[in-house]
All heavy atoms as atom14 arrays in JSON, in Angstrom:
{
  "sequence": "GGCVYRHISYDAELRAKEQSVRDAFRRIGGFEQEPEP",
  "atom14_mask": [
    [1, 1, 1, 1, 0, 0, 0, 0, 0, 0, 0, 0, 0, 0],
    [1, 1, 1, 1, 0, 0, 0, 0, 0, 0, 0, 0, 0, 0],
    [1, 1, 1, 1, 1, 1, 0, 0, 0, 0, 0, 0, 0, 0],
    [1, 1, 1, 1, 1, 1, 1, 0, 0, 0, 0, 0, 0, 0],
    [1, 1, 1, 1, 1, 1, 1, 1, 1, 1, 1, 1, 0, 0],
    [1, 1, 1, 1, 1, 1, 1, 1, 1, 1, 1, 0, 0, 0],
    [1, 1, 1, 1, 1, 1, 1, 1, 1, 1, 0, 0, 0, 0],
    [1, 1, 1, 1, 1, 1, 1, 1, 0, 0, 0, 0, 0, 0],
    [1, 1, 1, 1, 1, 1, 0, 0, 0, 0, 0, 0, 0, 0],
    [1, 1, 1, 1, 1, 1, 1, 1, 1, 1, 1, 1, 0, 0],
    [1, 1, 1, 1, 1, 1, 1, 1, 0, 0, 0, 0, 0, 0],
    [1, 1, 1, 1, 1, 0, 0, 0, 0, 0, 0, 0, 0, 0],
    [1, 1, 1, 1, 1, 1, 1, 1, 1, 0, 0, 0, 0, 0],
    [1, 1, 1, 1, 1, 1, 1, 1, 0, 0, 0, 0, 0, 0],
    [1, 1, 1, 1, 1, 1, 1, 1, 1, 1, 1, 0, 0, 0],
    [1, 1, 1, 1, 1, 0, 0, 0, 0, 0, 0, 0, 0, 0],
    [1, 1, 1, 1, 1, 1, 1, 1, 1, 0, 0, 0, 0, 0],
    [1, 1, 1, 1, 1, 1, 1, 1, 1, 0, 0, 0, 0, 0],
    [1, 1, 1, 1, 1, 1, 1, 1, 1, 0, 0, 0, 0, 0],
    [1, 1, 1, 1, 1, 1, 0, 0, 0, 0, 0, 0, 0, 0],
    [1, 1, 1, 1, 1, 1, 1, 0, 0, 0, 0, 0, 0, 0],
    [1, 1, 1, 1, 1, 1, 1, 1, 1, 1, 1, 0, 0, 0],
    [1, 1, 1, 1, 1, 1, 1, 1, 0, 0, 0, 0, 0, 0],
    [1, 1, 1, 1, 1, 0, 0, 0, 0, 0, 0, 0, 0, 0],
    [1, 1, 1, 1, 1, 1, 1, 1, 1, 1, 1, 0, 0, 0],
    [1, 1, 1, 1, 1, 1, 1, 1, 1, 1, 1, 0, 0, 0],
    [1, 1, 1, 1, 1, 1, 1, 1, 1, 1, 1, 0, 0, 0],
    [1, 1, 1, 1, 1, 1, 1, 1, 0, 0, 0, 0, 0, 0],
    [1, 1, 1, 1, 0, 0, 0, 0, 0, 0, 0, 0, 0, 0],
    [1, 1, 1, 1, 0, 0, 0, 0, 0, 0, 0, 0, 0, 0],
    [1, 1, 1, 1, 1, 1, 1, 1, 1, 1, 1, 0, 0, 0],
    [1, 1, 1, 1, 1, 1, 1, 1, 1, 0, 0, 0, 0, 0],
    [1, 1, 1, 1, 1, 1, 1, 1, 1, 0, 0, 0, 0, 0],
    [1, 1, 1, 1, 1, 1, 1, 1, 1, 0, 0, 0, 0, 0],
    [1, 1, 1, 1, 1, 1, 1, 0, 0, 0, 0, 0, 0, 0],
    [1, 1, 1, 1, 1, 1, 1, 1, 1, 0, 0, 0, 0, 0],
    [1, 1, 1, 1, 1, 1, 1, 0, 0, 0, 0, 0, 0, 0]
  ],
  "atom14_positions": [
    [[-8.91, -7.14, 7.77], [-8.65, -5.86, 8.39], [-8.31, -4.74, 7.43], [-7.99, -3.63, 7.87], [0.0, 0.0, 0.0], [0.0, 0.0, 0.0], [0.0, 0.0, 0.0], [0.0, 0.0, 0.0], [0.0, 0.0, 0.0], [0.0, 0.0, 0.0], [0.0, 0.0, 0.0], [0.0, 0.0, 0.0], [0.0, 0.0, 0.0], [0.0, 0.0, 0.0]],
    [[-8.39, -4.98, 6.13], [-8.02, -3.93, 5.18], [-9.07, -2.85, 5.04], [-8.81, -1.67, 5.22], [0.0, 0.0, 0.0], [0.0, 0.0, 0.0], [0.0, 0.0, 0.0], [0.0, 0.0, 0.0], [0.0, 0.0, 0.0], [0.0, 0.0, 0.0], [0.0, 0.0, 0.0], [0.0, 0.0, 0.0], [0.0, 0.0, 0.0], [0.0, 0.0, 0.0]],
    [[-10.3, -3.24, 4.71], [-11.39, -2.29, 4.51], [-12.16, -2.09, 5.81], [-12.51, -3.06, 6.48], [-12.35, -2.79, 3.43], [-11.62, -2.89, 1.78], [0.0, 0.0, 0.0], [0.0, 0.0, 0.0], [0.0, 0.0, 0.0], [0.0, 0.0, 0.0], [0.0, 0.0, 0.0], [0.0, 0.0, 0.0], [0.0, 0.0, 0.0], [0.0, 0.0, 0.0]],
    [[-12.43, -0.84, 6.14], [-13.22, -0.55, 7.34], [-14.5, 0.21, 7.02], [-15.31, 0.47, 7.91], [-12.4, 0.25, 8.38], [-11.2, -0.55, 8.85], [-11.98, 1.61, 7.82], [0.0, 0.0, 0.0], [0.0, 0.0, 0.0], [0.0, 0.0, 0.0], [0.0, 0.0, 0.0], [0.0, 0.0, 0.0], [0.0, 0.0, 0.0], [0.0, 0.0, 0.0]],
    [[-14.69, 0.56, 5.73], [-15.83, 1.4, 5.36], [-16.75, 0.78, 4.32], [-17.48, 1.49, 3.64], [-15.33, 2.74, 4.82], [-14.77, 3.68, 5.87], [-13.52, 4.26, 5.71], [-15.5, 4.0, 7.01], [-13.01, 5.14, 6.66], [-15.0, 4.86, 7.97], [-13.76, 5.43, 7.78], [-13.26, 6.29, 8.74], [0.0, 0.0, 0.0], [0.0, 0.0, 0.0]],
    [[-16.76, -0.54, 4.2], [-17.62, -1.16, 3.18], [-19.09, -1.19, 3.6], [-19.95, -1.52, 2.79], [-17.14, -2.56, 2.84], [-15.85, -2.54, 2.07], [-15.66, -3.71, 1.13], [-14.53, -3.43, 0.24], [-14.62, -2.85, -0.94], [-15.8, -2.48, -1.38], [-13.56, -2.63, -1.67], [0.0, 0.0, 0.0], [0.0, 0.0, 0.0], [0.0, 0.0, 0.0]],
    [[-19.38, -0.83, 4.84], [-20.76, -0.85, 5.32], [-21.43, 0.52, 5.23], [-22.59, 0.66, 5.62], [-20.79, -1.34, 6.77], [-20.05, -0.45, 7.71], [-18.69, -0.27, 7.66], [-20.48, 0.34, 8.74], [-18.3, 0.57, 8.6], [-19.37, 0.96, 9.27], [0.0, 0.0, 0.0], [0.0, 0.0, 0.0], [0.0, 0.0, 0.0], [0.0, 0.0, 0.0]],
    [[-20.7, 1.56, 4.74], [-21.31, 2.88, 4.59], [-21.11, 3.38, 3.16], [-20.22, 2.89, 2.43], [-20.74, 3.91, 5.6], [-19.24, 4.13, 5.38], [-21.03, 3.47, 7.04], [-18.65, 5.23, 6.26], [0.0, 0.0, 0.0], [0.0, 0.0, 0.0], [0.0, 0.0, 0.0], [0.0, 0.0, 0.0], [0.0, 0.0, 0.0], [0.0, 0.0, 0.0]],
    [[-21.9, 4.36, 2.75], [-21.79, 4.91, 1.4], [-20.45, 5.61, 1.22], [-19.8, 6.02, 2.19], [-22.93, 5.9, 1.14], [-22.74, 7.08, 1.92], [0.0, 0.0, 0.0], [0.0, 0.0, 0.0], [0.0, 0.0, 0.0], [0.0, 0.0, 0.0], [0.0, 0.0, 0.0], [0.0, 0.0, 0.0], [0.0, 0.0, 0.0], [0.0, 0.0, 0.0]],
    [[-20.05, 5.75, -0.05], [-18.77, 6.41, -0.31], [-18.82, 7.88, 0.11], [-17.83, 8.42, 0.61], [-18.37, 6.26, -1.77], [-16.95, 6.71, -2.04], [-15.9, 6.26, -1.24], [-16.66, 7.6, -3.06], [-14.59, 6.68, -1.46], [-15.36, 8.02, -3.29], [-14.33, 7.56, -2.49], [-13.03, 7.99, -2.7], [0.0, 0.0, 0.0], [0.0, 0.0, 0.0]],
    [[-19.96, 8.53, -0.07], [-20.09, 9.92, 0.38], [-19.88, 10.03, 1.89], [-19.21, 10.96, 2.37], [-21.48, 10.47, 0.03], [-21.61, 10.84, -1.44], [-20.57, 10.94, -2.11], [-22.75, 11.01, -1.91], [0.0, 0.0, 0.0], [0.0, 0.0, 0.0], [0.0, 0.0, 0.0], [0.0, 0.0, 0.0], [0.0, 0.0, 0.0], [0.0, 0.0, 0.0]],
    [[-20.43, 9.08, 2.64], [-20.25, 9.09, 4.09], [-18.78, 8.85, 4.45], [-18.26, 9.46, 5.4], [-21.14, 8.04, 4.74], [0.0, 0.0, 0.0], [0.0, 0.0, 0.0], [0.0, 0.0, 0.0], [0.0, 0.0, 0.0], [0.0, 0.0, 0.0], [0.0, 0.0, 0.0], [0.0, 0.0, 0.0], [0.0, 0.0, 0.0], [0.0, 0.0, 0.0]],
    [[-18.12, 7.98, 3.72], [-16.7, 7.73, 3.95], [-15.89, 9.01, 3.72], [-15.0, 9.34, 4.53], [-16.2, 6.63, 3.02], [-14.71, 6.36, 3.12], [-14.23, 5.3, 2.13], [-15.06, 4.56, 1.58], [-13.01, 5.23, 1.92], [0.0, 0.0, 0.0], [0.0, 0.0, 0.0], [0.0, 0.0, 0.0], [0.0, 0.0, 0.0], [0.0, 0.0, 0.0]],
    [[-16.18, 9.72, 2.65], [-15.45, 10.95, 2.37], [-15.67, 11.99, 3.46], [-14.73, 12.68, 3.87], [-15.86, 11.51, 1.01], [-15.44, 10.7, -0.21], [-15.96, 11.35, -1.49], [-13.93, 10.53, -0.28], [0.0, 0.0, 0.0], [0.0, 0.0, 0.0], [0.0, 0.0, 0.0], [0.0, 0.0, 0.0], [0.0, 0.0, 0.0], [0.0, 0.0, 0.0]],
    [[-16.89, 12.09, 3.95], [-17.16, 13.03, 5.05], [-16.35, 12.67, 6.28], [-15.79, 13.55, 6.96], [-18.65, 13.05, 5.4], [-19.55, 13.64, 4.33], [-20.93, 13.99, 4.9], [-21.62, 12.87, 5.52], [-22.4, 12.02, 4.88], [-22.61, 12.17, 3.56], [-23.02, 11.04, 5.51], [0.0, 0.0, 0.0], [0.0, 0.0, 0.0], [0.0, 0.0, 0.0]],
    [[-16.28, 11.37, 6.57], [-15.52, 10.92, 7.74], [-14.04, 11.23, 7.6], [-13.38, 11.67, 8.56], [-15.73, 9.42, 7.94], [0.0, 0.0, 0.0], [0.0, 0.0, 0.0], [0.0, 0.0, 0.0], [0.0, 0.0, 0.0], [0.0, 0.0, 0.0], [0.0, 0.0, 0.0], [0.0, 0.0, 0.0], [0.0, 0.0, 0.0], [0.0, 0.0, 0.0]],
    [[-13.49, 11.04, 6.42], [-12.07, 11.28, 6.21], [-11.76, 12.78, 6.25], [-10.72, 13.19, 6.81], [-11.63, 10.65, 4.89], [-11.61, 9.13, 4.96], [-11.14, 8.48, 3.67], [-11.0, 6.97, 3.87], [-10.56, 6.27, 2.65], [0.0, 0.0, 0.0], [0.0, 0.0, 0.0], [0.0, 0.0, 0.0], [0.0, 0.0, 0.0], [0.0, 0.0, 0.0]],
    [[-12.62, 13.58, 5.66], [-12.42, 15.03, 5.75], [-12.44, 15.48, 7.21], [-11.62, 16.31, 7.62], [-13.49, 15.75, 4.95], [-13.31, 17.26, 4.9], [-14.38, 17.94, 4.06], [-14.37, 17.72, 2.83], [-15.21, 18.67, 4.63], [0.0, 0.0, 0.0], [0.0, 0.0, 0.0], [0.0, 0.0, 0.0], [0.0, 0.0, 0.0], [0.0, 0.0, 0.0]],
    [[-13.35, 14.91, 7.99], [-13.44, 15.28, 9.4], [-12.2, 14.84, 10.16], [-11.73, 15.56, 11.06], [-14.69, 14.67, 10.03], [-14.95, 15.11, 11.47], [-15.18, 16.62, 11.57], [-15.9, 17.19, 10.77], [-14.57, 17.25, 12.58], [0.0, 0.0, 0.0], [0.0, 0.0, 0.0], [0.0, 0.0, 0.0], [0.0, 0.0, 0.0], [0.0, 0.0, 0.0]],
    [[-11.65, 13.67, 9.82], [-10.45, 13.19, 10.53], [-9.27, 14.12, 10.28], [-8.45, 14.36, 11.18], [-10.12, 11.76, 10.12], [-9.57, 11.69, 8.82], [0.0, 0.0, 0.0], [0.0, 0.0, 0.0], [0.0, 0.0, 0.0], [0.0, 0.0, 0.0], [0.0, 0.0, 0.0], [0.0, 0.0, 0.0], [0.0, 0.0, 0.0], [0.0, 0.0, 0.0]],
    [[-9.16, 14.66, 9.06], [-8.09, 15.61, 8.76], [-8.34, 16.91, 9.52], [-7.42, 17.48, 10.14], [-8.0, 15.87, 7.24], [-7.02, 17.0, 6.95], [-7.58, 14.6, 6.51], [0.0, 0.0, 0.0], [0.0, 0.0, 0.0], [0.0, 0.0, 0.0], [0.0, 0.0, 0.0], [0.0, 0.0, 0.0], [0.0, 0.0, 0.0], [0.0, 0.0, 0.0]],
    [[-9.57, 17.41, 9.5], [-9.92, 18.63, 10.23], [-9.59, 18.49, 11.72], [-8.97, 19.37, 12.32], [-11.42, 18.92, 10.05], [-11.92, 20.16, 10.77], [-13.42, 20.32, 10.61], [-13.82, 20.66, 9.25], [-14.45, 19.82, 8.41], [-14.77, 18.58, 8.81], [-14.77, 20.22, 7.21], [0.0, 0.0, 0.0], [0.0, 0.0, 0.0], [0.0, 0.0, 0.0]],
    [[-9.98, 17.34, 12.3], [-9.73, 17.11, 13.72], [-8.24, 17.08, 14.05], [-7.8, 17.67, 15.05], [-10.38, 15.8, 14.17], [-11.9, 15.86, 14.18], [-12.45, 16.99, 14.15], [-12.54, 14.79, 14.23], [0.0, 0.0, 0.0], [0.0, 0.0, 0.0], [0.0, 0.0, 0.0], [0.0, 0.0, 0.0], [0.0, 0.0, 0.0], [0.0, 0.0, 0.0]],
    [[-7.45, 16.4, 13.22], [-6.01, 16.3, 13.47], [-5.34, 17.66, 13.4], [-4.5, 18.01, 14.24], [-5.37, 15.33, 12.47], [0.0, 0.0, 0.0], [0.0, 0.0, 0.0], [0.0, 0.0, 0.0], [0.0, 0.0, 0.0], [0.0, 0.0, 0.0], [0.0, 0.0, 0.0], [0.0, 0.0, 0.0], [0.0, 0.0, 0.0], [0.0, 0.0, 0.0]],
    [[-5.71, 18.46, 12.39], [-5.09, 19.77, 12.24], [-5.46, 20.69, 13.41], [-4.62, 21.5, 13.84], [-5.49, 20.39, 10.9], [-4.58, 20.0, 9.76], [-4.38, 18.67, 9.44], [-3.9, 20.97, 9.04], [-3.53, 18.3, 8.4], [-3.04, 20.62, 8.0], [-2.86, 19.28, 7.68], [0.0, 0.0, 0.0], [0.0, 0.0, 0.0], [0.0, 0.0, 0.0]],
    [[-6.67, 20.57, 13.93], [-7.06, 21.41, 15.07], [-6.47, 20.9, 16.38], [-5.9, 21.67, 17.16], [-8.59, 21.47, 15.16], [-9.21, 22.32, 14.07], [-10.71, 22.41, 14.2], [-11.26, 23.27, 13.14], [-12.55, 23.45, 12.91], [-13.45, 22.82, 13.66], [-12.97, 24.23, 11.94], [0.0, 0.0, 0.0], [0.0, 0.0, 0.0], [0.0, 0.0, 0.0]],
    [[-6.62, 19.61, 16.6], [-6.24, 19.05, 17.9], [-4.73, 18.97, 18.07], [-4.19, 19.27, 19.14], [-6.88, 17.67, 18.06], [-6.55, 16.95, 19.35], [-7.36, 15.66, 19.47], [-7.26, 14.83, 18.28], [-6.27, 13.96, 18.05], [-5.3, 13.82, 18.93], [-6.26, 13.24, 16.95], [0.0, 0.0, 0.0], [0.0, 0.0, 0.0], [0.0, 0.0, 0.0]],
    [[-4.03, 18.54, 17.02], [-2.59, 18.32, 17.12], [-1.8, 19.54, 16.65], [-0.81, 19.93, 17.26], [-2.19, 17.07, 16.31], [-2.9, 15.83, 16.86], [-0.67, 16.87, 16.31], [-2.76, 14.59, 16.01], [0.0, 0.0, 0.0], [0.0, 0.0, 0.0], [0.0, 0.0, 0.0], [0.0, 0.0, 0.0], [0.0, 0.0, 0.0], [0.0, 0.0, 0.0]],
    [[-2.25, 20.14, 15.54], [-1.5, 21.26, 14.99], [-1.9, 22.62, 15.53], [-1.14, 23.59, 15.41], [0.0, 0.0, 0.0], [0.0, 0.0, 0.0], [0.0, 0.0, 0.0], [0.0, 0.0, 0.0], [0.0, 0.0, 0.0], [0.0, 0.0, 0.0], [0.0, 0.0, 0.0], [0.0, 0.0, 0.0], [0.0, 0.0, 0.0], [0.0, 0.0, 0.0]],
    [[-3.12, 22.71, 16.09], [-3.6, 24.0, 16.58], [-4.05, 24.93, 15.47], [-4.13, 26.15, 15.67], [0.0, 0.0, 0.0], [0.0, 0.0, 0.0], [0.0, 0.0, 0.0], [0.0, 0.0, 0.0], [0.0, 0.0, 0.0], [0.0, 0.0, 0.0], [0.0, 0.0, 0.0], [0.0, 0.0, 0.0], [0.0, 0.0, 0.0], [0.0, 0.0, 0.0]],
    [[-4.37, 24.36, 14.29], [-4.8, 25.17, 13.15], [-6.32, 25.22, 13.1], [-6.98, 24.18, 13.13], [-4.25, 24.58, 11.83], [-2.76, 24.48, 11.78], [-2.13, 23.24, 11.87], [-1.98, 25.62, 11.66], [-0.75, 23.14, 11.82], [-0.59, 25.53, 11.62], [0.02, 24.3, 11.7], [0.0, 0.0, 0.0], [0.0, 0.0, 0.0], [0.0, 0.0, 0.0]],
    [[-6.86, 26.41, 12.99], [-8.31, 26.58, 12.98], [-8.9, 26.67, 11.58], [-10.12, 26.7, 11.41], [-8.69, 27.84, 13.78], [-8.41, 27.73, 15.27], [-9.15, 26.58, 15.93], [-10.32, 26.34, 15.57], [-8.56, 25.92, 16.8], [0.0, 0.0, 0.0], [0.0, 0.0, 0.0], [0.0, 0.0, 0.0], [0.0, 0.0, 0.0], [0.0, 0.0, 0.0]],
    [[-8.05, 26.75, 10.54], [-8.57, 26.85, 9.18], [-9.4, 25.63, 8.81], [-9.16, 24.53, 9.3], [-7.43, 26.98, 8.15], [-6.63, 28.25, 8.26], [-5.31, 28.0, 8.94], [-5.27, 27.39, 10.03], [-4.24, 28.48, 8.35], [0.0, 0.0, 0.0], [0.0, 0.0, 0.0], [0.0, 0.0, 0.0], [0.0, 0.0, 0.0], [0.0, 0.0, 0.0]],
    [[-10.35, 25.86, 7.92], [-11.13, 24.76, 7.36], [-10.36, 24.15, 6.19], [-9.75, 24.88, 5.39], [-12.49, 25.27, 6.86], [-13.53, 25.4, 7.95], [-13.96, 24.03, 8.48], [-14.43, 23.19, 7.69], [-13.79, 23.8, 9.69], [0.0, 0.0, 0.0], [0.0, 0.0, 0.0], [0.0, 0.0, 0.0], [0.0, 0.0, 0.0], [0.0, 0.0, 0.0]],
    [[-10.38, 22.84, 6.05], [-9.76, 22.24, 4.86], [-10.58, 22.54, 3.61], [-11.78, 22.79, 3.69], [-9.79, 20.73, 5.16], [-10.95, 20.56, 6.09], [-10.99, 21.81, 6.92], [0.0, 0.0, 0.0], [0.0, 0.0, 0.0], [0.0, 0.0, 0.0], [0.0, 0.0, 0.0], [0.0, 0.0, 0.0], [0.0, 0.0, 0.0], [0.0, 0.0, 0.0]],
    [[-9.92, 22.55, 2.47], [-10.66, 22.57, 1.22], [-11.42, 21.25, 1.12], [-11.01, 20.23, 1.71], [-9.71, 22.74, 0.04], [-9.03, 24.11, 0.02], [-8.26, 24.36, -1.27], [-8.25, 23.47, -2.15], [-7.67, 25.44, -1.39], [0.0, 0.0, 0.0], [0.0, 0.0, 0.0], [0.0, 0.0, 0.0], [0.0, 0.0, 0.0], [0.0, 0.0, 0.0]],
    [[-12.54, 21.2, 0.39], [-13.34, 19.97, 0.32], [-12.51, 18.78, -0.17], [-11.67, 18.92, -1.06], [-14.44, 20.32, -0.68], [-14.55, 21.81, -0.62], [-13.16, 22.31, -0.35], [0.0, 0.0, 0.0], [0.0, 0.0, 0.0], [0.0, 0.0, 0.0], [0.0, 0.0, 0.0], [0.0, 0.0, 0.0], [0.0, 0.0, 0.0], [0.0, 0.0, 0.0]]
  ]
}
């Protein structure tokens, strides 16, 4: 249960993680700013 992203490329993993931060800040914090890359 440690690794959940070994089946996708590292670039795809980074995109997913950036999106998860963006989603949390918008949905929970109400912040509309874009994260830095």
